[in-house]
Amino acid sequence: MKNTALTATHEALGAKMVPFAGFNMPVQYEGVNIEHETVRKAVGVFDVSHMGEFLIEGPHALELIQKVSSNDASKLAIGKAQYSCMPNDDGGIVDDLIIYQLKEETYLLVVNASNIEKDWNWISSKNDVGAEMRNLSDDYSLLAIQGPKAVEAMQSLTSHDLSAIKFYNFVVGDFAGLDNIIISATGYTGSGGFEIYCKNDQAQQVWDKVFEAGADYGIKPIGLAARDTLRLEMGYCLYGNDINDTTSPLEAGLGWITKFTKDFTNSEALKQQKEEGVQRKLVAFELDERGIPRQGYDIVDAEGNVIGQVTSGTMSPSLGKGIGLGYVPTALAGVDNKIHIQIRKNAIPATVVKLPFYKG
């Protein structure tokens, strides 16, 4: 089990620690609902240092990235980030990721913690163009400062105008008394805020200064459990649940990051799938009655026939009702369609809805 640079801090704060993707991580401090509400209404801080970071550099960096990723990375510019995924050779997804352009020929790829080794090996296997690759995952820490008060609460820590950094843009500069810190207007919560990339030996200073600056804004540490409820209310895919090696980006509703203006891994097969139409789709649903849908529960039709499975589900703290994602046949994927979720012996009626669940 790996620790992050802040594990001792979380333990001192009384966090409940759990194993996650090979790391000892804080799952909650005060409780999921309180932490969830803090991020929706004020500002909260997540330690997500378990995420992986790869540096791809040199004259062939973009060529390699274009080959392994579905989105069009040529549209990036220095200071911009892009959400993308890496298709495999069989129609599924190796991982989803964020790509940052740091310099003219330097890109940072941020990947899921559970896939660091798998992703590194995958990209390496496609690197026949001689791009320079460095795995920085063990050297960097990542803090997500999320919530509507994040800009105001953190402004005193930097000379950069935080309100001027647009969504999916970033700056590299001073933060919390340190230089060369990546301040990125990204996150996994749908409530605004920033993600801060720093070296491991800087993480404690950043953490302490962030909590000092946010004291008057109701800042709190937030665990991974609330991170999951927050992302699910937005309908953001979680790798391993909603997308994996067998789900196509088109089935998962990720057609918007799948650009056929270039060639990439398995692009011909995915293009054909787009033209012919997919057989199943990832849908969002709300329960019409009391109940909590969980990953792995069957989705059934009115006659009780199994038509799919829940990939993510929870009791939404913001909506006060059961919500979830799952794959169903395309014919049943339309908004307002009725499906049922098998919760123990009961088939609970549910309605297919448009994302996001949480409208802010």
Protein backbone atom coordinates (compact mmCIF):
# COMPACT_ATOMS: atom_id res chain seq x y z
CA MET A 1 0.00 0.00 0.00
CA LYS A 2 1.38 3.37 -1.04
CA ASN A 3 0.88 6.52 0.99
CA THR A 4 0.55 10.03 -0.40
CA ALA A 5 2.69 12.87 0.99
CA LEU A 6 -0.33 13.84 3.12
CA THR A 7 -1.38 10.49 4.61
CA ALA A 8 -0.23 11.44 8.13
CA THR A 9 -2.19 14.71 7.85
CA HIS A 10 -5.39 12.86 6.94
CA GLU A 11 -4.92 10.44 9.83
CA ALA A 12 -4.33 13.34 12.24
CA LEU A 13 -7.60 14.89 11.02
CA GLY A 14 -9.44 11.66 11.90
CA ALA A 15 -10.11 10.56 8.33
CA LYS A 16 -11.39 7.06 7.72
CA MET A 17 -8.65 5.55 5.55
CA VAL A 18 -9.27 2.81 2.99
CA PRO A 19 -7.21 1.00 0.33
CA PHE A 20 -7.93 2.51 -3.10
CA ALA A 21 -6.01 1.70 -6.30
CA GLY A 22 -3.07 0.52 -4.21
CA PHE A 23 -3.03 3.67 -2.06
CA ASN A 24 -4.02 4.38 1.53
CA MET A 25 -6.66 7.08 0.92
CA PRO A 26 -9.12 9.15 3.00
CA VAL A 27 -12.67 8.01 2.16
CA GLN A 28 -14.39 10.42 4.55
CA TYR A 29 -13.82 12.79 7.47
CA GLU A 30 -17.13 14.10 8.90
CA GLY A 31 -19.47 12.17 6.61
CA VAL A 32 -20.35 11.98 2.94
CA ASN A 33 -23.40 14.27 2.99
CA ILE A 34 -21.71 17.07 4.95
CA GLU A 35 -18.62 16.89 2.73
CA HIS A 36 -20.73 16.78 -0.44
CA GLU A 37 -22.67 19.88 0.63
CA THR A 38 -19.44 21.72 1.52
CA VAL A 39 -18.25 21.36 -2.09
CA ARG A 40 -21.63 22.30 -3.58
CA LYS A 41 -22.01 25.43 -1.41
CA ALA A 42 -18.53 26.53 -0.24
CA VAL A 43 -15.09 24.99 -0.81
CA GLY A 44 -13.51 21.61 -0.07
CA VAL A 45 -10.11 20.03 -0.63
CA PHE A 46 -9.41 16.53 -1.94
CA ASP A 47 -6.04 14.81 -1.87
CA VAL A 48 -6.00 13.02 -5.22
CA SER A 49 -2.25 12.48 -5.33
CA HIS A 50 -2.82 8.84 -6.29
CA MET A 51 -3.52 9.95 -9.89
CA GLY A 52 -0.79 9.26 -12.46
CA GLU A 53 1.23 11.84 -14.40
CA PHE A 54 3.21 11.14 -17.58
CA LEU A 55 5.35 13.69 -19.40
CA ILE A 56 5.49 13.24 -23.19
CA GLU A 57 8.10 15.44 -24.86
CA GLY A 58 10.02 16.13 -28.05
CA PRO A 59 9.27 16.73 -31.72
CA HIS A 60 7.15 13.55 -31.92
CA ALA A 61 5.16 14.07 -28.69
CA LEU A 62 1.99 15.27 -30.41
CA GLU A 63 2.21 12.49 -33.00
CA LEU A 64 2.20 9.85 -30.25
CA ILE A 65 -0.61 11.54 -28.33
CA GLN A 66 -2.73 11.79 -31.49
CA LYS A 67 -2.22 8.09 -32.12
CA VAL A 68 -3.27 6.90 -28.63
CA SER A 69 -6.03 9.41 -27.82
CA SER A 70 -9.51 9.83 -29.28
CA ASN A 71 -9.77 13.62 -29.01
CA ASP A 72 -7.88 15.97 -31.34
CA ALA A 73 -4.85 17.11 -29.34
CA SER A 74 -3.72 19.37 -32.20
CA LYS A 75 -6.42 21.77 -30.98
CA LEU A 76 -4.50 22.26 -27.72
CA ALA A 77 -2.33 25.31 -27.04
CA ILE A 78 0.05 26.14 -24.20
CA GLY A 79 -2.11 26.73 -21.12
CA LYS A 80 -5.00 24.58 -22.30
CA ALA A 81 -6.16 21.12 -21.18
CA GLN A 82 -8.33 18.54 -22.92
CA TYR A 83 -10.42 15.60 -21.75
CA SER A 84 -9.84 12.49 -23.85
CA CYS A 85 -9.76 8.70 -23.78
CA MET A 86 -7.42 6.02 -25.09
CA PRO A 87 -9.25 3.43 -27.21
CA ASN A 88 -7.89 -0.11 -27.27
CA ASP A 89 -7.66 -2.36 -30.32
CA ASP A 90 -10.93 -4.17 -29.53
CA GLY A 91 -13.48 -1.34 -29.36
CA GLY A 92 -13.08 -0.65 -25.63
CA ILE A 93 -11.24 1.98 -23.60
CA VAL A 94 -7.79 1.66 -22.00
CA ASP A 95 -8.45 4.71 -19.80
CA ASP A 96 -9.80 8.24 -19.80
CA LEU A 97 -7.37 11.08 -19.13
CA ILE A 98 -6.64 14.79 -19.23
CA ILE A 99 -3.94 16.13 -21.55
CA TYR A 100 -2.19 19.42 -20.74
CA GLN A 101 0.06 21.28 -23.16
CA LEU A 102 2.83 22.72 -20.98
CA LYS A 103 5.22 23.91 -23.71
CA GLU A 104 5.56 23.76 -27.49
CA GLU A 105 6.63 20.09 -27.46
CA THR A 106 5.78 19.13 -23.87
CA TYR A 107 2.53 17.51 -22.72
CA LEU A 108 1.37 16.24 -19.34
CA LEU A 109 -1.01 13.26 -19.34
CA VAL A 110 -3.00 12.72 -16.14
CA VAL A 111 -4.37 9.18 -15.83
CA ASN A 112 -6.36 7.14 -13.32
CA ALA A 113 -4.51 5.76 -10.31
CA SER A 114 -5.59 2.15 -10.89
CA ASN A 115 -4.33 2.28 -14.49
CA ILE A 116 -0.88 3.89 -14.13
CA GLU A 117 1.15 0.81 -15.07
CA LYS A 118 -1.34 -0.38 -17.69
CA ASP A 119 -1.47 3.06 -19.35
CA TRP A 120 2.29 3.48 -19.31
CA ASN A 121 2.77 0.10 -20.97
CA TRP A 122 0.04 0.84 -23.52
CA ILE A 123 1.44 4.22 -24.57
CA SER A 124 4.97 2.79 -24.62
CA SER A 125 3.82 -0.03 -26.94
CA LYS A 126 2.49 2.58 -29.41
CA ASN A 127 5.59 4.78 -29.21
CA ASP A 128 7.35 3.83 -32.45
CA VAL A 129 7.91 7.52 -33.25
CA GLY A 130 10.59 8.16 -30.63
CA ALA A 131 8.68 10.51 -28.33
CA GLU A 132 10.37 11.04 -24.96
CA MET A 133 8.34 9.63 -22.07
CA ARG A 134 8.73 10.11 -18.33
CA ASN A 135 6.54 8.65 -15.59
CA LEU A 136 6.29 11.33 -12.87
CA SER A 137 3.49 9.63 -10.93
CA ASP A 138 5.59 8.93 -7.80
CA ASP A 139 7.02 12.46 -7.68
CA TYR A 140 3.91 14.63 -7.81
CA SER A 141 1.01 15.43 -5.53
CA LEU A 142 -2.40 16.69 -6.65
CA LEU A 143 -4.91 18.66 -4.60
CA ALA A 144 -8.40 19.41 -5.92
CA ILE A 145 -9.80 22.61 -4.39
CA GLN A 146 -13.44 22.52 -5.43
CA GLY A 147 -16.55 24.59 -4.87
CA PRO A 148 -18.15 27.96 -5.73
CA LYS A 149 -15.99 29.82 -3.20
CA ALA A 150 -12.68 28.34 -4.44
CA VAL A 151 -11.66 31.37 -6.53
CA GLU A 152 -12.33 33.88 -3.74
CA ALA A 153 -10.82 31.69 -1.02
CA MET A 154 -7.58 30.95 -2.89
CA GLN A 155 -6.91 34.34 -4.54
CA SER A 156 -4.62 35.50 -1.70
CA LEU A 157 -2.23 32.60 -2.43
CA THR A 158 -1.24 33.66 -5.95
CA SER A 159 -0.48 36.73 -8.09
CA HIS A 160 -2.51 35.18 -10.95
CA ASP A 161 -6.12 36.32 -11.35
CA LEU A 162 -7.90 33.04 -10.62
CA SER A 163 -11.22 34.33 -11.94
CA ALA A 164 -9.58 34.81 -15.36
CA ILE A 165 -8.57 31.14 -15.73
CA LYS A 166 -11.30 29.61 -17.86
CA PHE A 167 -12.57 26.02 -17.50
CA TYR A 168 -9.99 23.53 -18.83
CA ASN A 169 -7.27 26.21 -18.90
CA PHE A 170 -4.30 26.46 -16.54
CA VAL A 171 -1.33 28.60 -15.54
CA VAL A 172 2.09 27.62 -14.22
CA GLY A 173 3.17 30.09 -11.57
CA ASP A 174 3.28 31.10 -7.92
CA PHE A 175 0.94 29.51 -5.40
CA ALA A 176 1.11 29.18 -1.62
CA GLY A 177 4.62 30.69 -1.51
CA LEU A 178 6.01 28.30 -4.14
CA ASP A 179 6.94 28.69 -7.81
CA ASN A 180 6.23 26.54 -10.88
CA ILE A 181 2.95 25.22 -9.52
CA ILE A 182 0.27 24.12 -12.03
CA ILE A 183 -3.04 25.84 -11.22
CA SER A 184 -5.66 24.16 -13.40
CA ALA A 185 -9.34 25.14 -13.70
CA THR A 186 -10.43 21.50 -13.83
CA GLY A 187 -12.15 19.11 -11.46
CA TYR A 188 -14.48 16.15 -11.08
CA THR A 189 -17.29 17.78 -9.09
CA GLY A 190 -19.21 20.18 -11.32
CA SER A 191 -18.96 22.95 -8.72
CA GLY A 192 -15.95 24.82 -10.11
CA GLY A 193 -12.53 25.24 -8.56
CA PHE A 194 -8.97 24.20 -9.25
CA GLU A 195 -6.54 21.31 -9.28
CA ILE A 196 -3.07 22.06 -7.97
CA TYR A 197 -0.06 20.01 -9.11
CA CYS A 198 3.08 20.25 -6.97
CA LYS A 199 6.08 18.13 -5.99
CA ASN A 200 5.59 15.73 -3.08
CA ASP A 201 7.89 17.72 -0.79
CA GLN A 202 5.73 20.82 -1.41
CA ALA A 203 2.37 19.17 -0.70
CA GLN A 204 2.28 19.84 3.06
CA GLN A 205 3.04 23.55 2.59
CA VAL A 206 0.35 23.84 -0.09
CA TRP A 207 -2.19 21.99 2.08
CA ASP A 208 -1.48 24.17 5.14
CA LYS A 209 -1.61 27.46 3.21
CA VAL A 210 -4.81 26.42 1.41
CA PHE A 211 -6.58 25.72 4.71
CA GLU A 212 -5.26 28.96 6.20
CA ALA A 213 -6.53 30.98 3.21
CA GLY A 214 -9.88 29.18 3.17
CA ALA A 215 -10.59 29.42 6.91
CA ASP A 216 -13.11 32.25 6.52
CA TYR A 217 -14.88 30.45 3.66
CA GLY A 218 -15.85 27.26 5.49
CA ILE A 219 -13.13 25.14 3.85
CA LYS A 220 -13.04 21.45 4.79
CA PRO A 221 -11.09 18.35 3.80
CA ILE A 222 -13.17 16.04 1.59
CA GLY A 223 -12.86 12.28 1.12
CA LEU A 224 -13.19 10.02 -1.90
CA ALA A 225 -16.75 8.98 -1.02
CA ALA A 226 -18.05 12.52 -1.58
CA ARG A 227 -15.90 12.79 -4.71
CA ASP A 228 -17.91 9.87 -6.06
CA THR A 229 -21.34 11.30 -5.20
CA LEU A 230 -20.35 14.69 -6.64
CA ARG A 231 -19.10 13.24 -9.96
CA LEU A 232 -22.11 10.97 -10.26
CA GLU A 233 -24.53 13.89 -9.85
CA MET A 234 -22.80 15.39 -12.91
CA GLY A 235 -22.87 12.10 -14.83
CA TYR A 236 -19.07 12.02 -15.17
CA CYS A 237 -17.81 8.56 -16.11
CA LEU A 238 -15.68 6.61 -13.65
CA TYR A 239 -13.18 4.20 -15.18
CA GLY A 240 -13.79 0.65 -13.98
CA ASN A 241 -17.50 1.37 -13.45
CA ASP A 242 -19.02 3.23 -16.40
CA ILE A 243 -16.21 2.75 -18.90
CA ASN A 244 -13.68 -0.06 -19.22
CA ASP A 245 -11.86 -2.32 -21.68
CA THR A 246 -15.18 -3.54 -23.15
CA THR A 247 -17.16 -0.28 -23.43
CA SER A 248 -16.89 1.82 -26.57
CA PRO A 249 -16.57 5.61 -26.20
CA LEU A 250 -19.65 5.95 -28.44
CA GLU A 251 -21.72 3.64 -26.21
CA ALA A 252 -20.56 5.64 -23.18
CA GLY A 253 -21.74 8.97 -24.60
CA LEU A 254 -18.16 10.08 -25.25
CA GLY A 255 -18.68 10.75 -28.95
CA TRP A 256 -17.85 14.41 -28.21
CA ILE A 257 -14.23 13.44 -27.43
CA THR A 258 -13.99 10.97 -30.33
CA LYS A 259 -12.80 12.95 -33.36
CA PHE A 260 -12.68 11.23 -36.74
CA THR A 261 -10.78 14.15 -38.29
CA LYS A 262 -7.58 12.16 -37.58
CA ASP A 263 -6.45 8.55 -37.35
CA PHE A 264 -6.04 6.99 -33.93
CA THR A 265 -6.05 3.51 -32.40
CA ASN A 266 -9.07 1.55 -33.70
CA SER A 267 -10.55 4.70 -35.28
CA GLU A 268 -11.77 2.87 -38.39
CA ALA A 269 -13.82 0.39 -36.35
CA LEU A 270 -15.24 3.17 -34.15
CA LYS A 271 -16.10 5.24 -37.23
CA GLN A 272 -18.02 2.27 -38.62
CA GLN A 273 -19.78 1.88 -35.27
CA LYS A 274 -20.81 5.53 -35.40
CA GLU A 275 -22.20 5.13 -38.91
CA GLU A 276 -24.09 1.91 -38.11
CA GLY A 277 -25.23 3.03 -34.65
CA VAL A 278 -24.51 1.43 -31.28
CA GLN A 279 -26.53 -1.47 -29.85
CA ARG A 280 -26.50 -0.14 -26.29
CA LYS A 281 -26.05 3.20 -24.57
CA LEU A 282 -25.02 4.45 -21.16
CA VAL A 283 -28.06 6.18 -19.66
CA ALA A 284 -28.75 8.22 -16.55
CA PHE A 285 -31.78 7.33 -14.45
CA GLU A 286 -33.61 8.49 -11.34
CA LEU A 287 -35.62 6.12 -9.18
CA ASP A 288 -39.35 6.92 -9.05
CA GLU A 289 -39.65 5.36 -5.58
CA ARG A 290 -37.44 4.98 -2.53
CA GLY A 291 -34.31 2.90 -2.94
CA ILE A 292 -30.60 3.10 -3.62
CA PRO A 293 -29.26 1.66 -6.88
CA ARG A 294 -25.79 0.11 -6.60
CA GLN A 295 -23.15 -0.97 -9.09
CA GLY A 296 -23.95 -4.45 -10.42
CA TYR A 297 -27.70 -4.33 -9.82
CA ASP A 298 -29.75 -5.60 -12.77
CA ILE A 299 -31.75 -3.21 -14.93
CA VAL A 300 -34.97 -4.94 -16.01
CA ASP A 301 -37.92 -4.17 -18.27
CA ALA A 302 -41.60 -4.15 -17.27
CA GLU A 303 -41.76 -7.96 -17.69
CA GLY A 304 -38.73 -8.51 -15.47
CA ASN A 305 -36.29 -9.37 -18.29
CA VAL A 306 -32.72 -8.29 -17.58
CA ILE A 307 -31.76 -5.59 -20.09
CA GLY A 308 -28.63 -4.17 -18.49
CA GLN A 309 -26.71 -3.44 -15.31
CA VAL A 310 -26.15 -0.43 -13.09
CA THR A 311 -22.57 0.78 -13.49
CA SER A 312 -22.73 3.54 -10.85
CA GLY A 313 -25.44 4.37 -8.34
CA THR A 314 -26.02 6.26 -5.12
CA MET A 315 -28.48 8.23 -3.02
CA SER A 316 -27.97 11.75 -4.38
CA PRO A 317 -27.25 14.12 -1.47
CA SER A 318 -28.38 17.13 -3.56
CA LEU A 319 -31.56 15.59 -5.00
CA GLY A 320 -32.53 13.32 -2.10
CA LYS A 321 -33.32 10.41 -4.44
CA GLY A 322 -31.65 7.34 -5.92
CA ILE A 323 -29.70 8.06 -9.12
CA GLY A 324 -27.51 5.95 -11.35
CA LEU A 325 -25.90 5.16 -14.68
CA GLY A 326 -26.13 1.93 -16.65
CA TYR A 327 -26.10 0.44 -20.12
CA VAL A 328 -29.41 -0.42 -21.80
CA PRO A 329 -30.38 -1.34 -25.38
CA THR A 330 -30.44 1.77 -27.59
CA ALA A 331 -34.21 1.40 -28.15
CA LEU A 332 -34.76 1.98 -24.41
CA ALA A 333 -32.21 4.77 -23.99
CA GLY A 334 -34.45 7.75 -24.74
CA VAL A 335 -35.09 10.41 -22.10
CA ASP A 336 -38.33 9.77 -20.13
CA ASN A 337 -38.26 6.04 -20.95
CA LYS A 338 -39.27 3.81 -18.05
CA ILE A 339 -36.96 1.08 -16.77
CA HIS A 340 -36.75 -0.86 -13.49
CA ILE A 341 -33.85 -1.45 -11.11
CA GLN A 342 -33.79 -4.81 -9.37
CA ILE A 343 -33.08 -4.04 -5.71
CA ARG A 344 -33.16 -7.35 -3.86
CA LYS A 345 -36.65 -8.80 -4.55
CA ASN A 346 -38.18 -5.57 -5.80
CA ALA A 347 -38.09 -4.09 -9.30
CA ILE A 348 -38.11 -0.37 -8.53
CA PRO A 349 -39.41 1.84 -11.36
CA ALA A 350 -36.98 4.44 -12.72
CA THR A 351 -36.99 7.10 -15.42
CA VAL A 352 -34.22 7.78 -17.94
CA VAL A 353 -33.19 11.43 -17.54
CA LYS A 354 -30.91 13.95 -19.24
CA LEU A 355 -27.57 14.71 -17.58
CA PRO A 356 -26.47 16.30 -15.37
CA PHE A 357 -28.66 15.15 -12.47
CA TYR A 358 -27.51 18.19 -10.48
CA LYS A 359 -28.40 21.38 -12.32
CA GLY A 360 -26.77 23.78 -9.82
